[in-house]
Protein backbone atom coordinates (compact mmCIF):
# COMPACT_ATOMS: atom_id res chain seq x y z
CA MET A 1 68.82 78.11 110.36
CA ASP A 2 70.68 76.74 113.20
CA ILE A 3 74.28 78.25 113.85
CA LYS A 4 77.02 77.86 116.08
CA PRO A 5 77.42 80.46 119.28
CA PHE A 6 79.67 83.09 118.19
CA GLY A 7 82.61 82.34 120.88
CA VAL A 8 84.80 85.40 120.76
CA GLU A 9 81.68 87.92 120.56
CA ILE A 10 79.90 86.32 123.33
CA TRP A 11 82.95 86.38 125.44
CA MET A 12 83.28 90.14 124.72
CA ASN A 13 79.68 90.89 125.43
CA GLU A 14 80.13 89.26 128.96
CA TYR A 15 83.11 90.78 130.05
CA GLU A 16 84.36 93.59 127.81
CA LEU A 17 82.49 96.23 130.35
CA LYS A 18 83.61 94.62 133.23
CA CYS A 19 87.69 94.85 133.08
CA GLU A 20 89.63 97.71 134.00
CA LEU A 21 92.59 97.02 131.38
CA ASN A 22 91.26 95.59 128.18
CA LEU A 23 94.02 93.69 126.23
CA ALA A 24 91.19 92.02 124.33
CA GLU A 25 90.56 94.79 122.08
CA THR A 26 91.33 94.70 118.45
CA CYS A 27 90.93 97.64 117.25
CA VAL A 28 93.61 100.36 116.80
CA GLU A 29 93.00 102.65 119.77
CA SER A 30 89.65 104.45 118.53
CA ILE A 31 89.65 107.92 117.69
CA THR A 32 86.86 110.57 118.39
CA ILE A 33 85.23 112.64 115.73
CA ALA A 34 87.25 115.82 116.65
CA GLN A 35 90.74 113.86 116.35
CA LEU A 36 89.11 112.67 112.83
CA LEU A 37 88.56 116.30 111.69
CA THR A 38 91.83 117.19 113.14
CA LEU A 39 93.59 114.52 111.23
CA ALA A 40 91.87 115.47 108.15
CA GLY A 41 92.71 119.18 108.60
CA ARG A 42 88.90 120.16 109.38
CA ASN A 43 87.65 121.74 112.54
CA ASP A 44 84.48 121.45 114.40
CA THR A 45 82.97 124.11 112.36
CA ASP A 46 82.91 121.61 109.32
CA LEU A 47 80.24 119.62 111.27
CA SER A 48 78.02 122.41 109.79
CA GLU A 49 77.98 120.55 106.71
CA LEU A 50 76.24 117.93 108.70
CA LEU A 51 72.97 120.10 109.23
CA PRO A 52 71.23 120.40 105.91
CA MET A 53 71.83 116.39 105.62
CA LYS A 54 68.44 115.36 105.08
CA MET A 55 68.09 111.68 106.82
CA THR A 56 66.76 109.80 103.75
CA TYR A 57 68.58 106.01 103.21
CA GLY A 58 71.14 107.77 101.00
CA ALA A 59 72.80 106.19 97.96
CA ILE A 60 71.91 102.37 98.31
CA GLU A 61 75.28 100.93 97.19
CA GLY A 62 77.40 103.74 99.12
CA SER A 63 77.81 107.13 98.10
CA ASP A 64 79.99 107.97 94.89
CA ARG A 65 82.44 109.84 97.20
CA LEU A 66 82.62 106.77 99.48
CA ARG A 67 83.17 104.02 96.79
CA ASN A 68 85.74 106.19 95.07
CA ALA A 69 87.74 106.73 98.57
CA VAL A 70 87.37 102.83 98.92
CA ALA A 71 88.85 102.06 95.38
CA ALA A 72 91.65 103.94 95.97
CA LEU A 73 93.00 101.56 98.50
CA TYR A 74 93.28 99.13 95.99
CA GLU A 75 95.49 98.71 92.70
CA GLY A 76 92.75 97.78 90.10
CA GLN A 77 89.22 98.24 91.89
CA LYS A 78 86.69 100.73 90.42
CA PRO A 79 83.89 102.39 92.18
CA GLU A 80 81.52 99.95 90.40
CA ASN A 81 83.50 96.84 92.19
CA ILE A 82 82.75 98.38 95.59
CA VAL A 83 79.84 97.98 97.94
CA ALA A 84 79.24 99.34 101.68
CA THR A 85 78.18 97.16 104.18
CA HIS A 86 77.28 97.16 107.97
CA GLY A 87 80.98 96.73 108.89
CA THR A 88 83.31 94.24 107.81
CA ILE A 89 80.98 91.63 109.88
CA GLY A 90 78.07 92.48 107.29
CA ALA A 91 80.57 92.36 104.22
CA ASN A 92 81.66 88.62 105.24
CA ALA A 93 77.91 87.62 105.98
CA LEU A 94 76.55 88.80 102.74
CA VAL A 95 79.93 87.03 100.66
CA HIS A 96 78.88 83.64 102.37
CA GLN A 97 75.18 84.11 102.00
CA ALA A 98 75.55 85.13 98.58
CA LEU A 99 77.89 82.54 97.10
CA VAL A 100 77.63 79.47 99.01
CA SER A 101 74.64 76.70 98.85
CA ARG A 102 73.78 73.58 100.88
CA GLY A 103 76.49 70.62 99.72
CA ASP A 104 79.11 73.32 98.36
CA ARG A 105 82.76 72.86 99.56
CA VAL A 106 84.14 75.30 101.52
CA ILE A 107 87.79 75.59 102.62
CA SER A 108 88.18 77.77 105.71
CA VAL A 109 91.66 78.70 107.46
CA ILE A 110 91.54 78.08 111.31
CA PRO A 111 92.07 79.84 113.72
CA THR A 112 90.31 82.97 111.88
CA TYR A 113 87.15 84.99 112.66
CA GLN A 114 84.51 82.52 113.43
CA GLN A 115 82.13 83.90 110.64
CA HIS A 116 84.09 82.21 107.93
CA TYR A 117 83.58 78.49 108.99
CA SER A 118 80.47 78.83 111.07
CA ILE A 119 78.20 80.52 108.32
CA PRO A 120 78.78 78.31 105.62
CA GLU A 121 78.31 75.35 108.01
CA SER A 122 75.10 76.69 108.98
CA ILE A 123 73.85 76.88 105.18
CA GLY A 124 74.53 73.32 104.91
CA ALA A 125 78.18 73.41 103.03
CA GLU A 126 80.68 71.07 103.60
CA VAL A 127 83.24 73.17 105.45
CA VAL A 128 87.02 71.69 105.08
CA PRO A 129 89.68 73.00 107.87
CA LEU A 130 93.00 74.33 106.79
CA VAL A 131 94.57 74.42 110.07
CA LEU A 132 97.23 77.11 110.68
CA ARG A 133 100.24 75.62 112.47
CA GLU A 134 102.62 77.16 114.99
CA GLU A 135 105.47 75.34 113.23
CA ASN A 136 104.66 76.86 109.93
CA GLY A 137 104.45 80.41 111.62
CA PHE A 138 100.56 80.18 111.43
CA LEU A 139 100.85 80.33 107.60
CA PRO A 140 99.14 77.99 105.27
CA ASP A 141 100.70 74.82 104.08
CA LEU A 142 100.27 75.40 100.50
CA ALA A 143 100.54 71.37 99.65
CA GLU A 144 97.88 70.87 102.05
CA LEU A 145 95.66 73.59 100.45
CA LYS A 146 96.23 71.96 97.02
CA ARG A 147 95.09 68.71 98.10
CA LEU A 148 92.08 69.82 99.97
CA ALA A 149 90.97 72.07 97.19
CA THR A 150 89.77 69.40 94.69
CA PRO A 151 87.75 70.52 91.55
CA GLY A 152 84.26 71.90 91.99
CA THR A 153 85.48 73.62 95.66
CA ARG A 154 83.11 76.61 96.13
CA LEU A 155 84.79 79.04 97.96
CA ILE A 156 88.37 79.34 99.80
CA ALA A 157 88.20 81.68 102.97
CA ILE A 158 91.66 83.19 104.31
CA ASN A 159 92.06 86.15 106.38
CA ASN A 160 95.12 88.41 105.94
CA PRO A 161 96.67 89.61 108.06
CA ASN A 162 95.39 86.91 110.24
CA ASN A 163 93.41 87.19 113.17
CA PRO A 164 94.57 85.97 115.73
CA THR A 165 97.72 85.22 115.15
CA GLY A 166 99.24 88.18 113.23
CA ALA A 167 100.64 86.12 110.29
CA LEU A 168 100.90 88.08 106.97
CA MET A 169 101.01 86.42 103.66
CA ASP A 170 103.06 88.21 101.21
CA ARG A 171 101.87 88.59 97.73
CA GLU A 172 103.60 85.65 96.64
CA MET A 173 102.00 83.41 98.58
CA LEU A 174 98.50 85.07 97.87
CA LEU A 175 99.38 84.49 94.28
CA ALA A 176 100.20 81.02 95.03
CA ILE A 177 96.72 80.73 96.66
CA ALA A 178 94.90 82.33 94.06
CA GLU A 179 96.65 79.81 91.34
CA ILE A 180 95.43 76.78 93.59
CA ALA A 181 91.72 78.43 93.81
CA ARG A 182 91.97 79.04 89.96
CA GLU A 183 92.65 75.19 89.29
CA ALA A 184 89.65 74.33 91.64
CA GLY A 185 87.31 76.74 90.15
CA ALA A 186 87.02 78.40 93.86
CA TRP A 187 85.91 81.96 94.61
CA LEU A 188 89.05 83.29 96.73
CA LEU A 189 87.39 85.44 99.95
CA CYS A 190 89.74 87.29 102.01
CA ASP A 191 89.46 89.26 105.09
CA GLU A 192 91.42 91.99 104.97
CA VAL A 193 89.86 94.10 107.59
CA TYR A 194 93.55 94.42 109.62
CA ARG A 195 95.12 95.45 106.08
CA GLY A 196 97.45 98.53 106.58
CA THR A 197 99.12 97.68 109.91
CA ASP A 198 102.07 95.66 108.40
CA GLN A 199 105.02 95.73 110.84
CA ASP A 200 107.42 96.60 107.89
CA GLY A 201 107.55 99.15 104.80
CA SER A 202 104.54 101.14 104.04
CA GLY A 203 102.35 98.81 105.95
CA MET A 204 100.00 97.79 103.37
CA THR A 205 99.78 94.68 102.05
CA ALA A 206 98.69 93.10 98.75
CA SER A 207 94.94 92.66 98.33
CA VAL A 208 93.21 89.52 96.96
CA ALA A 209 90.74 91.45 94.94
CA ASP A 210 93.69 92.64 92.85
CA LEU A 211 95.58 89.56 92.26
CA TYR A 212 92.85 86.86 91.37
CA GLU A 213 89.80 87.30 88.84
CA LYS A 214 87.63 85.55 91.17
CA GLY A 215 88.89 87.18 94.39
CA ILE A 216 87.17 88.79 96.90
CA SER A 217 88.34 91.37 99.56
CA THR A 218 86.28 92.40 102.64
CA ALA A 219 87.37 95.32 104.97
CA GLY A 220 86.15 98.13 107.04
CA MET A 221 86.55 101.12 109.06
CA SER A 222 86.97 99.42 112.46
CA LYS A 223 90.69 98.12 113.09
CA ALA A 224 93.36 99.83 110.88
CA PHE A 225 91.25 102.84 110.78
CA SER A 226 90.05 103.36 114.59
CA LEU A 227 86.54 104.07 113.75
CA ALA A 228 84.49 100.96 114.47
CA GLY A 229 81.69 103.24 115.87
CA LEU A 230 80.92 103.88 112.63
CA ARG A 231 79.62 100.40 111.41
CA LEU A 232 80.78 100.91 107.97
CA GLY A 233 82.49 98.20 105.86
CA TRP A 234 82.47 96.83 102.33
CA ILE A 235 83.02 94.23 99.83
CA ALA A 236 85.57 94.65 96.79
CA ALA A 237 84.67 91.92 94.36
CA PRO A 238 84.02 91.51 90.28
CA ARG A 239 80.59 93.15 89.63
CA ALA A 240 79.26 89.95 89.08
CA VAL A 241 79.46 89.11 92.81
CA ILE A 242 78.38 92.76 93.76
CA GLU A 243 75.16 92.23 91.89
CA THR A 244 74.58 88.63 93.69
CA VAL A 245 75.42 90.34 96.68
CA MET A 246 72.85 93.06 96.45
CA HIS A 247 70.00 90.65 96.16
CA HIS A 248 70.86 89.32 99.79
CA ARG A 249 71.81 92.70 100.99
CA ASP A 250 68.39 94.40 100.11
CA TYR A 251 66.94 91.85 102.73
CA ASN A 252 69.19 92.97 105.79
CA THR A 253 70.52 96.64 104.95
CA ILE A 254 69.16 98.08 102.26
CA SER A 255 71.71 101.18 102.86
CA VAL A 256 74.42 102.32 105.32
CA GLY A 257 73.78 105.29 107.61
CA MET A 258 74.34 108.79 105.79
CA ILE A 259 76.43 109.98 108.61
CA ASP A 260 78.65 106.57 108.89
CA ASP A 261 79.19 107.02 105.01
CA HIS A 262 80.17 110.81 105.46
CA PHE A 263 82.70 110.35 108.11
CA ALA A 264 84.24 107.00 106.37
CA ALA A 265 84.72 108.85 103.03
CA LEU A 266 86.47 112.06 105.08
CA ALA A 267 88.96 109.37 106.84
CA LEU A 268 89.55 107.20 103.78
CA GLU A 269 90.36 110.50 102.05
CA HIS A 270 92.84 111.10 104.66
CA ARG A 271 94.01 107.69 105.10
CA ASP A 272 98.02 108.35 104.72
CA LYS A 273 97.82 110.28 108.07
CA ILE A 274 95.41 107.64 110.19
CA LEU A 275 97.23 104.83 108.92
CA ALA A 276 100.64 106.41 110.14
CA ARG A 277 99.14 107.03 113.34
CA SER A 278 98.07 103.07 113.36
CA ARG A 279 101.43 102.07 112.65
CA SER A 280 102.93 104.03 115.02
CA ILE A 281 100.58 102.65 117.68
CA THR A 282 100.96 98.83 116.57
CA ARG A 283 104.88 99.05 115.94
CA GLY A 284 105.36 100.97 118.96
CA ASN A 285 103.14 98.63 121.17
CA LEU A 286 104.34 95.28 119.49
CA LYS A 287 108.02 96.58 120.71
CA ILE A 288 107.12 96.59 124.07
CA LEU A 289 105.06 93.08 123.95
CA ALA A 290 107.81 91.14 122.39
CA ASP A 291 110.05 92.52 125.26
CA TRP A 292 107.68 91.16 127.64
CA VAL A 293 107.16 88.18 126.18
CA GLU A 294 110.93 87.47 126.28
CA SER A 295 111.13 88.29 129.81
CA GLU A 296 108.40 85.70 130.77
CA PRO A 297 109.21 82.05 130.90
CA ALA A 298 105.68 80.93 130.72
CA ILE A 299 104.68 82.88 127.82
CA SER A 300 105.96 81.70 124.20
CA TRP A 301 104.46 82.88 120.70
CA VAL A 302 104.85 83.76 117.03
CA ARG A 303 105.94 87.20 116.88
CA PRO A 304 102.82 88.88 114.58
CA ARG A 305 104.05 90.29 111.64
CA SER A 306 100.74 92.67 110.92
CA GLY A 307 97.42 93.40 112.80
CA THR A 308 96.63 94.24 116.30
CA THR A 309 96.59 90.96 117.97
CA ALA A 310 98.69 87.79 118.75
CA LEU A 311 98.27 84.26 120.33
CA LEU A 312 100.54 83.75 123.63
CA LYS A 313 100.82 80.23 124.34
CA TYR A 314 101.07 79.76 128.42
CA ASP A 315 102.77 77.34 130.27
CA LEU A 316 99.92 76.77 132.84
CA ASP A 317 97.83 73.75 133.70
CA MET A 318 94.68 74.86 133.17
CA PRO A 319 92.14 75.83 129.86
CA SER A 320 92.41 79.00 128.59
CA ARG A 321 88.62 80.15 129.57
CA ASP A 322 89.75 79.77 133.08
CA PHE A 323 92.96 81.23 132.74
CA CYS A 324 91.42 84.36 131.32
CA ILE A 325 88.52 84.62 134.00
CA ALA A 326 91.09 84.00 136.88
CA LEU A 327 93.19 86.94 135.24
CA LEU A 328 90.35 88.89 134.90
CA GLN A 329 89.04 88.55 138.55
CA GLU A 330 92.45 89.04 140.14
CA THR A 331 93.76 91.77 137.83
CA GLY A 332 90.80 93.41 136.10
CA VAL A 333 93.06 92.28 132.89
CA MET A 334 91.08 90.98 130.06
CA PHE A 335 92.56 88.35 127.37
CA THR A 336 90.40 86.15 124.89
CA PRO A 337 90.32 82.50 125.79
CA GLY A 338 92.40 80.33 122.67
CA SER A 339 89.15 78.18 123.05
CA THR A 340 86.60 80.75 121.49
CA MET A 341 89.08 80.54 118.53
CA GLU A 342 89.57 76.58 118.21
CA MET A 343 92.78 77.33 120.08
CA GLU A 344 93.06 75.92 123.46
CA GLY A 345 96.23 76.52 125.53
CA TYR A 346 96.43 80.09 123.74
CA VAL A 347 95.13 83.40 124.66
CA ARG A 348 94.55 86.03 122.38
CA ILE A 349 96.05 89.51 123.06
CA GLY A 350 95.00 93.04 121.50
CA TYR A 351 98.13 94.97 121.84
CA ALA A 352 97.07 98.30 119.89
CA ASN A 353 95.34 100.23 122.84
CA ALA A 354 97.02 103.04 124.23
CA PRO A 355 100.67 102.28 125.20
CA GLU A 356 100.05 103.18 128.77
CA ILE A 357 97.35 100.54 129.14
CA LEU A 358 99.20 97.93 127.34
CA VAL A 359 102.21 98.50 130.00
CA ALA A 360 99.79 98.45 132.98
CA GLY A 361 98.27 95.31 132.00
CA LEU A 362 101.53 93.43 131.14
CA ALA A 363 102.71 94.17 134.44
CA LYS A 364 99.62 93.00 136.25
CA VAL A 365 99.87 89.45 134.13
CA SER A 366 103.43 89.16 135.33
CA GLU A 367 102.12 89.15 138.94
CA PHE A 368 99.31 86.91 138.18
CA LEU A 369 102.05 84.31 136.56
CA ALA A 370 104.22 85.06 139.67
CA ARG A 371 101.52 84.29 142.15
CA ARG A 372 101.43 80.74 140.48
CA GLY A 373 105.21 80.19 140.36
CA LYS A 374 105.62 80.57 136.44
CA GLY A 375 106.62 84.16 136.45
CA ARG A 376 110.07 85.91 135.84
CA ASN A 377 110.34 86.87 139.42
CA SER A 378 108.87 83.74 140.82
CA ALA A 379 111.30 81.81 143.56
């Protein structure tokens, strides 16, 4: 099976350990196990409950405790509608592998996480891009989607909140997309790994799994929950989809690690405190970033409404990869080139790390722009 190289992941693998200030990171500032225990009202003596844990494969679909905790994130999902996966990346891959066949018509928004168009393309599906445009606030054009979603379309893949733009589809728009999918007879897959980080209100937007009878939601512990090291995600979907997914999952996952399952369940049982921390970081840091963008004449954007990332358009005559390499070499600051996400002329910033890292990194970017006669302090 031929598949396109994964642009973002190749970039991260090559440069993530070579930077001084990582403004390409997409997870809310990661927490330690000690911090998790504190947020859960525990202490290190509670680690003793792991000592008698026998290292078997554990519950194949995920423990009852974990699936109950995941189901509680949704309005209408039950534990039997949940299966644990190896991160959200594993959840997305399994859905595409289970539902898409050669010749199927798949619509994917772009930009998004590359899995959602490169995996079905590698299977031999006809992948039709729905390009998110800046003039629409990087939200889908529903008229265009309706035109593309011809009868018999197999799957529509969206991403909410969107990576890399931070655009957010509200319940009304999701219901409109669900109706378009319903008319076409399509499954609707929504990658919701950033769910819980909305800039307004409770921070938790509606989930596709709760809004459409053929809706499938994927998510995990990495972004909003600051626990990427657990490598634990899940699929929330109709039971028929879960059963189909399980046929494929038996070949590449079997089960998730018992320790990952344990700590993920603990975190989800205390999700209010963890998500409150995440929203405090993302909301505070977005204000810092917004002030910086406002002050830099060479930078423009569509302000994110959720998530941990933003696309920055830059006024420099150089490709985004060259921009990011020069920035890294001169300042130690790491961005992600827009070219890795089919968005040349932009760079992606992750703004959910520690505030002092963001402030220090942005100051160095300002120096970088000033040296090229494009900064706020340029002569």
